[in-house]
Amino acid sequence: MPSDPCEPLRKQGYQFFSKTSTAALKPCMWCKRALAGGDMCYKHQFYGIDSHRCVQLTPTLRCNQRCLFCWRSFEHEPVESEECSPETILAGIHRFQKKALAGYNAVLDNTVTEERWKEALDPKHVAISLSGEPTLYSQLPELIDLFNKTGYTTFVVSNGTNPDMLKRCNPFQMYVSLDAPDRETYERVCRPLGDYWDRVQESLRLLGSRRSAVRITLVKGLNDIAPERYAAILQDSGATYVEIKGYMYLGYSRNRLVRENMPDHADVRAFAEKVATACDYRFKDENELSRVVVLERKR
């Protein structure tokens, strides 16, 4: 075990906002690809988000689940002595995004245009989704409000275990994960550190009153069961969208699962169709490269 659990993350490109917190920023693969003129992530296709202008961050690396499909390590979890303030996070975004993308600037990389480079250094979107569970950060509502006031489009991805915190948050789009159709599967696949199933259901029921999405990570042989039960939960949620995405055999999840747990896009599409036929959602779009299908609620 490394003496500093954050050191392996720094080597992976994490930029930490302070020495005492685990708030961090790291551009995703799609941000870098888009900057170099390549493909953008499916959020561009589905929601019009320009990947090279999107900041991926987390206010904390702490998490209260140990999902089998998670790419991160649970054994070397960084310790957080104090939280980073929303103001500190906001103030560091441009500096750390520029530092993280330094090798992609228009001078060093001829695939990057000057226009795209300037746009990347002036991000417009914040995805609070890098790692950890953001609702464990006590100032999450204040952080989102600060981003909103300064013109950012905010996306928050939560495991739904803290509905009281989600009630106080007002992002542009709220994501809540639903990775099991029942309590037994949830406890086996998501391995929560507490009795959270009912809390997840409460969080899902909050989504009908806001722009929102339910995200299902489909793991072949583990949670790709009972589409009608997923459909019943989704129907009750009232979420605007449902994203059904195939598990990817990456990172530390390879120590817990096998390659055969990774569904292909046809598997994801077939499961999504079964879910849609059992509730008031319909097919909206799909991205085969990312193995994701999005459903939208019928009006």
C-alpha atoms as a PDB file:
ATOM      1  CA  MET A   1       0.000   0.000   0.000  1.00  0.00           C
ATOM      2  CA  PRO A   2       1.473   3.418  -0.913  1.00  0.00           C
ATOM      3  CA  SER A   3       2.275   5.762   1.995  1.00  0.00           C
ATOM      4  CA  ASP A   4       0.232   8.440   0.211  1.00  0.00           C
ATOM      5  CA  PRO A   5      -2.907   6.894  -1.334  1.00  0.00           C
ATOM      6  CA  CYS A   6      -3.321  10.009  -3.505  1.00  0.00           C
ATOM      7  CA  GLU A   7       0.032   9.507  -5.235  1.00  0.00           C
ATOM      8  CA  PRO A   8      -1.175   6.807  -7.678  1.00  0.00           C
ATOM      9  CA  LEU A   9      -4.061   9.112  -8.570  1.00  0.00           C
ATOM     10  CA  ARG A  10      -1.693  12.011  -9.246  1.00  0.00           C
ATOM     11  CA  LYS A  11       0.214   9.745 -11.621  1.00  0.00           C
ATOM     12  CA  GLN A  12      -3.096   9.061 -13.368  1.00  0.00           C
ATOM     13  CA  GLY A  13      -3.611  12.787 -13.917  1.00  0.00           C
ATOM     14  CA  TYR A  14      -5.676  13.819 -10.896  1.00  0.00           C
ATOM     15  CA  GLN A  15      -5.259  17.467  -9.919  1.00  0.00           C
ATOM     16  CA  PHE A  16      -6.078  17.981  -6.223  1.00  0.00           C
ATOM     17  CA  PHE A  17      -7.556  21.314  -5.176  1.00  0.00           C
ATOM     18  CA  SER A  18      -5.879  21.297  -1.739  1.00  0.00           C
ATOM     19  CA  LYS A  19      -3.438  19.257   0.333  1.00  0.00           C
ATOM     20  CA  THR A  20      -5.966  18.352   3.036  1.00  0.00           C
ATOM     21  CA  SER A  21      -9.014  17.367   0.972  1.00  0.00           C
ATOM     22  CA  THR A  22      -9.661  14.827  -1.759  1.00  0.00           C
ATOM     23  CA  ALA A  23     -11.470  17.274  -4.050  1.00  0.00           C
ATOM     24  CA  ALA A  24      -9.949  16.681  -7.468  1.00  0.00           C
ATOM     25  CA  LEU A  25     -10.202  17.341 -11.188  1.00  0.00           C
ATOM     26  CA  LYS A  26      -9.235  15.142 -14.112  1.00  0.00           C
ATOM     27  CA  PRO A  27     -10.213  15.628 -17.766  1.00  0.00           C
ATOM     28  CA  CYS A  28     -11.883  12.535 -19.150  1.00  0.00           C
ATOM     29  CA  MET A  29     -10.768  10.651 -22.248  1.00  0.00           C
ATOM     30  CA  TRP A  30     -13.515  12.282 -24.323  1.00  0.00           C
ATOM     31  CA  CYS A  31     -12.408  15.789 -23.382  1.00  0.00           C
ATOM     32  CA  LYS A  32      -8.944  15.058 -24.741  1.00  0.00           C
ATOM     33  CA  ARG A  33     -10.246  13.330 -27.855  1.00  0.00           C
ATOM     34  CA  ALA A  34     -12.591  16.209 -28.646  1.00  0.00           C
ATOM     35  CA  LEU A  35      -9.811  18.726 -28.093  1.00  0.00           C
ATOM     36  CA  ALA A  36      -7.740  16.900 -30.700  1.00  0.00           C
ATOM     37  CA  GLY A  37     -10.633  16.948 -33.172  1.00  0.00           C
ATOM     38  CA  GLY A  38     -11.854  13.416 -32.465  1.00  0.00           C
ATOM     39  CA  ASP A  39     -15.102  11.984 -31.177  1.00  0.00           C
ATOM     40  CA  MET A  40     -17.045  13.609 -28.351  1.00  0.00           C
ATOM     41  CA  CYS A  41     -18.738  11.623 -25.603  1.00  0.00           C
ATOM     42  CA  TYR A  42     -22.341  10.546 -25.826  1.00  0.00           C
ATOM     43  CA  LYS A  43     -23.441  13.542 -23.737  1.00  0.00           C
ATOM     44  CA  HIS A  44     -22.716  15.676 -26.817  1.00  0.00           C
ATOM     45  CA  GLN A  45     -24.860  13.427 -28.967  1.00  0.00           C
ATOM     46  CA  PHE A  46     -27.688  13.178 -26.427  1.00  0.00           C
ATOM     47  CA  TYR A  47     -27.618  16.587 -24.707  1.00  0.00           C
ATOM     48  CA  GLY A  48     -25.430  18.892 -26.824  1.00  0.00           C
ATOM     49  CA  ILE A  49     -22.536  19.110 -24.344  1.00  0.00           C
ATOM     50  CA  ASP A  50     -19.169  19.956 -25.962  1.00  0.00           C
ATOM     51  CA  SER A  51     -16.717  17.495 -24.424  1.00  0.00           C
ATOM     52  CA  HIS A  52     -13.660  19.741 -24.729  1.00  0.00           C
ATOM     53  CA  ARG A  53     -15.438  22.421 -22.670  1.00  0.00           C
ATOM     54  CA  CYS A  54     -16.464  20.072 -19.855  1.00  0.00           C
ATOM     55  CA  VAL A  55     -14.673  19.796 -16.500  1.00  0.00           C
ATOM     56  CA  GLN A  56     -14.861  16.438 -14.732  1.00  0.00           C
ATOM     57  CA  LEU A  57     -14.354  16.755 -10.976  1.00  0.00           C
ATOM     58  CA  THR A  58     -15.306  15.506  -7.549  1.00  0.00           C
ATOM     59  CA  PRO A  59     -15.573  17.399  -4.241  1.00  0.00           C
ATOM     60  CA  THR A  60     -14.628  14.202  -2.365  1.00  0.00           C
ATOM     61  CA  LEU A  61     -13.253  10.746  -3.116  1.00  0.00           C
ATOM     62  CA  ARG A  62     -15.148   9.195  -0.205  1.00  0.00           C
ATOM     63  CA  CYS A  63     -17.813   6.651  -1.089  1.00  0.00           C
ATOM     64  CA  ASN A  64     -20.318   4.595   0.879  1.00  0.00           C
ATOM     65  CA  GLN A  65     -20.619   1.768  -1.647  1.00  0.00           C
ATOM     66  CA  ARG A  66     -18.146  -0.796  -2.954  1.00  0.00           C
ATOM     67  CA  CYS A  67     -19.664  -1.562  -6.349  1.00  0.00           C
ATOM     68  CA  LEU A  68     -18.171  -4.598  -8.056  1.00  0.00           C
ATOM     69  CA  PHE A  69     -18.095  -2.768 -11.396  1.00  0.00           C
ATOM     70  CA  CYS A  70     -16.329   0.364 -10.087  1.00  0.00           C
ATOM     71  CA  TRP A  71     -12.964   1.010 -11.714  1.00  0.00           C
ATOM     72  CA  ARG A  72     -11.421   2.550  -8.571  1.00  0.00           C
ATOM     73  CA  SER A  73      -9.484   0.863  -5.760  1.00  0.00           C
ATOM     74  CA  PHE A  74     -11.218   0.379  -2.418  1.00  0.00           C
ATOM     75  CA  GLU A  75      -8.097  -0.860  -0.667  1.00  0.00           C
ATOM     76  CA  HIS A  76      -6.154   2.405  -0.965  1.00  0.00           C
ATOM     77  CA  GLU A  77      -8.847   4.967  -0.236  1.00  0.00           C
ATOM     78  CA  PRO A  78      -7.370   8.436   0.424  1.00  0.00           C
ATOM     79  CA  VAL A  79      -8.000   9.997   3.820  1.00  0.00           C
ATOM     80  CA  GLU A  80      -9.596  13.441   3.893  1.00  0.00           C
ATOM     81  CA  SER A  81      -8.658  15.582   6.910  1.00  0.00           C
ATOM     82  CA  GLU A  82     -10.950  18.444   5.916  1.00  0.00           C
ATOM     83  CA  GLU A  83     -13.232  19.458   3.085  1.00  0.00           C
ATOM     84  CA  CYS A  84     -12.279  21.877   0.347  1.00  0.00           C
ATOM     85  CA  SER A  85     -14.485  24.975   0.200  1.00  0.00           C
ATOM     86  CA  PRO A  86     -16.692  25.623  -2.847  1.00  0.00           C
ATOM     87  CA  GLU A  87     -14.809  28.886  -3.431  1.00  0.00           C
ATOM     88  CA  THR A  88     -11.465  27.067  -3.538  1.00  0.00           C
ATOM     89  CA  ILE A  89     -12.798  24.548  -6.026  1.00  0.00           C
ATOM     90  CA  LEU A  90     -14.260  27.242  -8.277  1.00  0.00           C
ATOM     91  CA  ALA A  91     -11.069  29.304  -8.132  1.00  0.00           C
ATOM     92  CA  GLY A  92      -8.921  26.331  -9.168  1.00  0.00           C
ATOM     93  CA  ILE A  93     -10.915  25.053 -12.119  1.00  0.00           C
ATOM     94  CA  HIS A  94      -9.271  27.056 -14.906  1.00  0.00           C
ATOM     95  CA  ARG A  95      -5.742  26.616 -13.530  1.00  0.00           C
ATOM     96  CA  PHE A  96      -5.990  22.866 -12.981  1.00  0.00           C
ATOM     97  CA  GLN A  97      -7.848  22.196 -16.231  1.00  0.00           C
ATOM     98  CA  LYS A  98      -5.105  24.044 -18.122  1.00  0.00           C
ATOM     99  CA  LYS A  99      -2.407  22.111 -16.259  1.00  0.00           C
ATOM    100  CA  ALA A 100      -4.107  18.783 -16.952  1.00  0.00           C
ATOM    101  CA  LEU A 101      -4.470  19.574 -20.669  1.00  0.00           C
ATOM    102  CA  ALA A 102      -1.014  21.130 -21.084  1.00  0.00           C
ATOM    103  CA  GLY A 103       0.233  18.495 -23.526  1.00  0.00           C
ATOM    104  CA  TYR A 104      -2.711  19.124 -25.836  1.00  0.00           C
ATOM    105  CA  ASN A 105      -2.219  22.815 -26.585  1.00  0.00           C
ATOM    106  CA  ALA A 106      -2.168  24.085 -30.143  1.00  0.00           C
ATOM    107  CA  VAL A 107       1.584  24.746 -30.094  1.00  0.00           C
ATOM    108  CA  LEU A 108       2.606  21.227 -29.010  1.00  0.00           C
ATOM    109  CA  ASP A 109      -0.100  19.231 -30.787  1.00  0.00           C
ATOM    110  CA  ASN A 110      -0.920  20.037 -34.406  1.00  0.00           C
ATOM    111  CA  THR A 111      -4.248  18.169 -34.162  1.00  0.00           C
ATOM    112  CA  VAL A 112      -5.501  20.857 -31.759  1.00  0.00           C
ATOM    113  CA  THR A 113      -6.728  24.090 -33.314  1.00  0.00           C
ATOM    114  CA  GLU A 114      -6.163  27.425 -31.605  1.00  0.00           C
ATOM    115  CA  GLU A 115      -9.924  27.922 -31.393  1.00  0.00           C
ATOM    116  CA  ARG A 116     -10.556  24.584 -29.647  1.00  0.00           C
ATOM    117  CA  TRP A 117      -7.638  25.189 -27.272  1.00  0.00           C
ATOM    118  CA  LYS A 118      -9.046  28.563 -26.231  1.00  0.00           C
ATOM    119  CA  GLU A 119     -12.495  27.028 -25.769  1.00  0.00           C
ATOM    120  CA  ALA A 120     -11.078  24.218 -23.614  1.00  0.00           C
ATOM    121  CA  LEU A 121      -9.464  26.788 -21.324  1.00  0.00           C
ATOM    122  CA  ASP A 122     -12.844  28.481 -20.927  1.00  0.00           C
ATOM    123  CA  PRO A 123     -15.028  25.525 -19.861  1.00  0.00           C
ATOM    124  CA  LYS A 124     -18.799  25.881 -19.726  1.00  0.00           C
ATOM    125  CA  HIS A 125     -19.871  22.576 -18.197  1.00  0.00           C
ATOM    126  CA  VAL A 126     -19.057  20.820 -14.915  1.00  0.00           C
ATOM    127  CA  ALA A 127     -19.667  17.099 -14.439  1.00  0.00           C
ATOM    128  CA  ILE A 128     -19.502  16.261 -10.737  1.00  0.00           C
ATOM    129  CA  SER A 129     -18.856  12.626 -11.503  1.00  0.00           C
ATOM    130  CA  LEU A 130     -15.133  11.856 -11.385  1.00  0.00           C
ATOM    131  CA  SER A 131     -15.098   9.473  -8.412  1.00  0.00           C
ATOM    132  CA  GLY A 132     -16.522   9.127  -4.925  1.00  0.00           C
ATOM    133  CA  GLU A 133     -20.079   9.966  -3.858  1.00  0.00           C
ATOM    134  CA  PRO A 134     -20.620  13.741  -4.109  1.00  0.00           C
ATOM    135  CA  THR A 135     -23.472  13.854  -1.580  1.00  0.00           C
ATOM    136  CA  LEU A 136     -20.965  12.964   1.156  1.00  0.00           C
ATOM    137  CA  TYR A 137     -19.536  16.459   0.624  1.00  0.00           C
ATOM    138  CA  SER A 138     -21.427  18.651   3.085  1.00  0.00           C
ATOM    139  CA  GLN A 139     -21.287  21.785   0.892  1.00  0.00           C
ATOM    140  CA  LEU A 140     -22.545  20.218  -2.337  1.00  0.00           C
ATOM    141  CA  PRO A 141     -25.642  22.474  -2.659  1.00  0.00           C
ATOM    142  CA  GLU A 142     -23.484  25.577  -2.167  1.00  0.00           C
ATOM    143  CA  LEU A 143     -20.940  24.318  -4.713  1.00  0.00           C
ATOM    144  CA  ILE A 144     -23.637  23.714  -7.323  1.00  0.00           C
ATOM    145  CA  ASP A 145     -25.220  27.112  -6.662  1.00  0.00           C
ATOM    146  CA  LEU A 146     -21.815  28.759  -7.076  1.00  0.00           C
ATOM    147  CA  PHE A 147     -21.271  27.009 -10.415  1.00  0.00           C
ATOM    148  CA  ASN A 148     -24.765  27.979 -11.554  1.00  0.00           C
ATOM    149  CA  LYS A 149     -24.239  31.630 -10.624  1.00  0.00           C
ATOM    150  CA  THR A 150     -20.994  31.793 -12.602  1.00  0.00           C
ATOM    151  CA  GLY A 151     -22.543  30.400 -15.785  1.00  0.00           C
ATOM    152  CA  TYR A 152     -21.605  26.719 -15.691  1.00  0.00           C
ATOM    153  CA  THR A 153     -23.979  23.950 -16.737  1.00  0.00           C
ATOM    154  CA  THR A 154     -23.827  21.422 -13.905  1.00  0.00           C
ATOM    155  CA  PHE A 155     -24.334  17.671 -14.005  1.00  0.00           C
ATOM    156  CA  VAL A 156     -24.322  15.665 -10.764  1.00  0.00           C
ATOM    157  CA  VAL A 157     -24.029  11.872 -10.644  1.00  0.00           C
ATOM    158  CA  SER A 158     -25.094  10.262  -7.354  1.00  0.00           C
ATOM    159  CA  ASN A 159     -25.636   6.736  -6.076  1.00  0.00           C
ATOM    160  CA  GLY A 160     -28.834   7.960  -4.427  1.00  0.00           C
ATOM    161  CA  THR A 161     -27.948   6.992  -0.865  1.00  0.00           C
ATOM    162  CA  ASN A 162     -28.462  10.513   0.510  1.00  0.00           C
ATOM    163  CA  PRO A 163     -31.891  11.782  -0.616  1.00  0.00           C
ATOM    164  CA  ASP A 164     -31.953  14.583   1.961  1.00  0.00           C
ATOM    165  CA  MET A 165     -28.858  16.099   0.342  1.00  0.00           C
ATOM    166  CA  LEU A 166     -30.249  15.668  -3.171  1.00  0.00           C
ATOM    167  CA  LYS A 167     -33.376  17.599  -2.178  1.00  0.00           C
ATOM    168  CA  ARG A 168     -31.147  20.635  -1.564  1.00  0.00           C
ATOM    169  CA  CYS A 169     -29.260  20.400  -4.869  1.00  0.00           C
ATOM    170  CA  ASN A 170     -30.279  22.192  -8.073  1.00  0.00           C
ATOM    171  CA  PRO A 171     -28.001  21.146 -10.937  1.00  0.00           C
ATOM    172  CA  PHE A 172     -28.906  21.466 -14.606  1.00  0.00           C
ATOM    173  CA  GLN A 173     -29.303  17.676 -14.704  1.00  0.00           C
ATOM    174  CA  MET A 174     -29.354  15.222 -11.813  1.00  0.00           C
ATOM    175  CA  TYR A 175     -28.271  11.613 -12.328  1.00  0.00           C
ATOM    176  CA  VAL A 176     -29.151   8.853  -9.866  1.00  0.00           C
ATOM    177  CA  SER A 177     -27.818   5.335 -10.325  1.00  0.00           C
ATOM    178  CA  LEU A 178     -30.090   2.298 -10.321  1.00  0.00           C
ATOM    179  CA  ASP A 179     -27.863  -0.748 -10.621  1.00  0.00           C
ATOM    180  CA  ALA A 180     -30.222  -3.432  -9.346  1.00  0.00           C
ATOM    181  CA  PRO A 181     -33.918  -4.271  -9.671  1.00  0.00           C
ATOM    182  CA  ASP A 182     -34.258  -5.395  -6.042  1.00  0.00           C
ATOM    183  CA  ARG A 183     -32.616  -5.190  -2.618  1.00  0.00           C
ATOM    184  CA  GLU A 184     -30.859  -8.563  -2.828  1.00  0.00           C
ATOM    185  CA  THR A 185     -29.170  -7.778  -6.138  1.00  0.00           C
ATOM    186  CA  TYR A 186     -28.298  -4.279  -4.922  1.00  0.00           C
ATOM    187  CA  GLU A 187     -26.515  -5.601  -1.850  1.00  0.00           C
ATOM    188  CA  ARG A 188     -24.629  -8.198  -3.886  1.00  0.00           C
ATOM    189  CA  VAL A 189     -23.575  -5.898  -6.756  1.00  0.00           C
ATOM    190  CA  CYS A 190     -23.243  -2.464  -5.095  1.00  0.00           C
ATOM    191  CA  ARG A 191     -22.095  -3.721  -1.671  1.00  0.00           C
ATOM    192  CA  PRO A 192     -23.323  -0.687   0.314  1.00  0.00           C
ATOM    193  CA  LEU A 193     -21.735   0.112   3.662  1.00  0.00           C
ATOM    194  CA  GLY A 194     -25.197   0.603   5.178  1.00  0.00           C
ATOM    195  CA  ASP A 195     -28.848  -0.244   4.650  1.00  0.00           C
ATOM    196  CA  TYR A 196     -29.428   2.129   1.723  1.00  0.00           C
ATOM    197  CA  TRP A 197     -31.900   0.438  -0.640  1.00  0.00           C
ATOM    198  CA  ASP A 198     -34.908   2.390   0.613  1.00  0.00           C
ATOM    199  CA  ARG A 199     -32.912   5.624   0.446  1.00  0.00           C
ATOM    200  CA  VAL A 200     -32.050   4.943  -3.197  1.00  0.00           C
ATOM    201  CA  GLN A 201     -35.746   4.463  -3.946  1.00  0.00           C
ATOM    202  CA  GLU A 202     -36.537   7.760  -2.202  1.00  0.00           C
ATOM    203  CA  SER A 203     -33.879   9.548  -4.262  1.00  0.00           C
ATOM    204  CA  LEU A 204     -35.275   8.121  -7.480  1.00  0.00           C
ATOM    205  CA  ARG A 205     -38.730   9.419  -6.615  1.00  0.00           C
ATOM    206  CA  LEU A 206     -37.305  12.947  -6.406  1.00  0.00           C
ATOM    207  CA  LEU A 207     -36.451  12.981 -10.101  1.00  0.00           C
ATOM    208  CA  GLY A 208     -39.898  13.604 -11.560  1.00  0.00           C
ATOM    209  CA  SER A 209     -39.879  17.271 -10.563  1.00  0.00           C
ATOM    210  CA  ARG A 210     -36.583  18.175 -12.274  1.00  0.00           C
ATOM    211  CA  ARG A 211     -34.497  17.553 -15.374  1.00  0.00           C
ATOM    212  CA  SER A 212     -32.989  14.202 -14.527  1.00  0.00           C
ATOM    213  CA  ALA A 213     -31.658  10.854 -15.643  1.00  0.00           C
ATOM    214  CA  VAL A 214     -31.456   7.405 -14.137  1.00  0.00           C
ATOM    215  CA  ARG A 215     -28.237   5.605 -14.980  1.00  0.00           C
ATOM    216  CA  ILE A 216     -28.148   1.819 -15.099  1.00  0.00           C
ATOM    217  CA  THR A 217     -24.730   0.172 -15.430  1.00  0.00           C
ATOM    218  CA  LEU A 218     -25.481  -3.223 -16.939  1.00  0.00           C
ATOM    219  CA  VAL A 219     -23.164  -6.041 -15.838  1.00  0.00           C
ATOM    220  CA  LYS A 220     -23.649  -9.263 -17.773  1.00  0.00           C
ATOM    221  CA  GLY A 221     -24.525 -12.164 -15.503  1.00  0.00           C
ATOM    222  CA  LEU A 222     -25.006  -9.976 -12.426  1.00  0.00           C
ATOM    223  CA  ASN A 223     -27.729  -7.350 -12.773  1.00  0.00           C
ATOM    224  CA  ASP A 224     -29.049  -7.865 -16.312  1.00  0.00           C
ATOM    225  CA  ILE A 225     -32.181  -9.503 -14.911  1.00  0.00           C
ATOM    226  CA  ALA A 226     -35.848  -8.687 -14.372  1.00  0.00           C
ATOM    227  CA  PRO A 227     -36.259  -5.775 -16.814  1.00  0.00           C
ATOM    228  CA  GLU A 228     -39.887  -5.489 -15.711  1.00  0.00           C
ATOM    229  CA  ARG A 229     -38.752  -4.715 -12.140  1.00  0.00           C
ATOM    230  CA  TYR A 230     -36.381  -2.014 -13.362  1.00  0.00           C
ATOM    231  CA  ALA A 231     -39.295  -0.661 -15.404  1.00  0.00           C
ATOM    232  CA  ALA A 232     -41.560  -0.466 -12.360  1.00  0.00           C
ATOM    233  CA  ILE A 233     -38.963   1.533 -10.422  1.00  0.00           C
ATOM    234  CA  LEU A 234     -38.350   3.837 -13.390  1.00  0.00           C
ATOM    235  CA  GLN A 235     -42.069   4.388 -13.837  1.00  0.00           C
ATOM    236  CA  ASP A 236     -42.308   5.460 -10.203  1.00  0.00           C
ATOM    237  CA  SER A 237     -39.303   7.787 -10.525  1.00  0.00           C
ATOM    238  CA  GLY A 238     -40.656  10.015 -13.277  1.00  0.00           C
ATOM    239  CA  ALA A 239     -37.112  10.766 -14.469  1.00  0.00           C
ATOM    240  CA  THR A 240     -36.739  12.624 -17.759  1.00  0.00           C
ATOM    241  CA  TYR A 241     -34.236  10.145 -19.215  1.00  0.00           C
ATOM    242  CA  VAL A 242     -32.864   6.679 -18.557  1.00  0.00           C
ATOM    243  CA  GLU A 243     -29.323   5.819 -19.624  1.00  0.00           C
ATOM    244  CA  ILE A 244     -28.579   2.099 -19.814  1.00  0.00           C
ATOM    245  CA  LYS A 245     -24.850   1.663 -20.205  1.00  0.00           C
ATOM    246  CA  GLY A 246     -22.747  -1.455 -20.499  1.00  0.00           C
ATOM    247  CA  TYR A 247     -20.081  -2.185 -17.888  1.00  0.00           C
ATOM    248  CA  MET A 248     -16.534  -1.722 -19.163  1.00  0.00           C
ATOM    249  CA  TYR A 249     -13.777  -4.085 -18.023  1.00  0.00           C
ATOM    250  CA  LEU A 250     -11.411  -1.377 -16.771  1.00  0.00           C
ATOM    251  CA  GLY A 251      -9.272  -0.388 -13.789  1.00  0.00           C
ATOM    252  CA  TYR A 252      -9.580  -2.170 -10.466  1.00  0.00           C
ATOM    253  CA  SER A 253     -12.899  -3.747 -11.475  1.00  0.00           C
ATOM    254  CA  ARG A 254     -10.755  -6.316 -13.292  1.00  0.00           C
ATOM    255  CA  ASN A 255      -9.803  -7.682  -9.854  1.00  0.00           C
ATOM    256  CA  ARG A 256     -13.474  -8.382  -9.076  1.00  0.00           C
ATOM    257  CA  LEU A 257     -15.074  -9.263 -12.400  1.00  0.00           C
ATOM    258  CA  VAL A 258     -14.114 -10.977 -15.644  1.00  0.00           C
ATOM    259  CA  ARG A 259     -14.181  -9.794 -19.238  1.00  0.00           C
ATOM    260  CA  GLU A 260     -17.281 -11.897 -19.863  1.00  0.00           C
ATOM    261  CA  ASN A 261     -19.222  -9.576 -17.518  1.00  0.00           C
ATOM    262  CA  MET A 262     -18.926  -6.864 -20.176  1.00  0.00           C
ATOM    263  CA  PRO A 263     -22.043  -6.823 -22.395  1.00  0.00           C
ATOM    264  CA  ASP A 264     -21.787  -5.846 -26.033  1.00  0.00           C
ATOM    265  CA  HIS A 265     -23.972  -3.111 -27.453  1.00  0.00           C
ATOM    266  CA  ALA A 266     -26.525  -5.575 -28.783  1.00  0.00           C
ATOM    267  CA  ASP A 267     -27.020  -6.879 -25.231  1.00  0.00           C
ATOM    268  CA  VAL A 268     -27.526  -3.351 -23.918  1.00  0.00           C
ATOM    269  CA  ARG A 269     -29.958  -2.471 -26.709  1.00  0.00           C
ATOM    270  CA  ALA A 270     -31.992  -5.652 -26.182  1.00  0.00           C
ATOM    271  CA  PHE A 271     -32.251  -5.069 -22.433  1.00  0.00           C
ATOM    272  CA  ALA A 272     -33.221  -1.429 -22.941  1.00  0.00           C
ATOM    273  CA  GLU A 273     -35.997  -2.474 -25.318  1.00  0.00           C
ATOM    274  CA  LYS A 274     -37.392  -4.880 -22.718  1.00  0.00           C
ATOM    275  CA  VAL A 275     -37.353  -2.144 -20.080  1.00  0.00           C
ATOM    276  CA  ALA A 276     -39.024   0.360 -22.400  1.00  0.00           C
ATOM    277  CA  THR A 277     -41.867  -1.976 -23.334  1.00  0.00           C
ATOM    278  CA  ALA A 278     -42.750  -2.395 -19.637  1.00  0.00           C
ATOM    279  CA  CYS A 279     -43.033   1.315 -18.748  1.00  0.00           C
ATOM    280  CA  ASP A 280     -43.811   4.751 -20.172  1.00  0.00           C
ATOM    281  CA  TYR A 281     -40.375   5.273 -21.727  1.00  0.00           C
ATOM    282  CA  ARG A 282     -39.334   5.063 -25.358  1.00  0.00           C
ATOM    283  CA  PHE A 283     -36.093   4.786 -27.278  1.00  0.00           C
ATOM    284  CA  LYS A 284     -34.421   8.178 -27.833  1.00  0.00           C
ATOM    285  CA  ASP A 285     -30.885   7.480 -29.038  1.00  0.00           C
ATOM    286  CA  GLU A 286     -27.870   5.201 -28.700  1.00  0.00           C
ATOM    287  CA  ASN A 287     -24.100   5.306 -28.942  1.00  0.00           C
ATOM    288  CA  GLU A 288     -22.542   2.017 -29.911  1.00  0.00           C
ATOM    289  CA  LEU A 289     -18.981   3.094 -29.123  1.00  0.00           C
ATOM    290  CA  SER A 290     -19.915   3.795 -25.491  1.00  0.00           C
ATOM    291  CA  ARG A 291     -22.425   0.920 -25.380  1.00  0.00           C
ATOM    292  CA  VAL A 292     -25.190   3.158 -24.100  1.00  0.00           C
ATOM    293  CA  VAL A 293     -28.873   3.520 -24.930  1.00  0.00           C
ATOM    294  CA  VAL A 294     -30.955   6.453 -23.731  1.00  0.00           C
ATOM    295  CA  LEU A 295     -34.684   6.257 -23.166  1.00  0.00           C
ATOM    296  CA  GLU A 296     -36.945   9.260 -22.665  1.00  0.00           C
ATOM    297  CA  ARG A 297     -40.186   9.540 -20.781  1.00  0.00           C
ATOM    298  CA  LYS A 298     -43.259   9.662 -22.997  1.00  0.00           C
ATOM    299  CA  ARG A 299     -45.076  12.981 -22.774  1.00  0.00           C
END
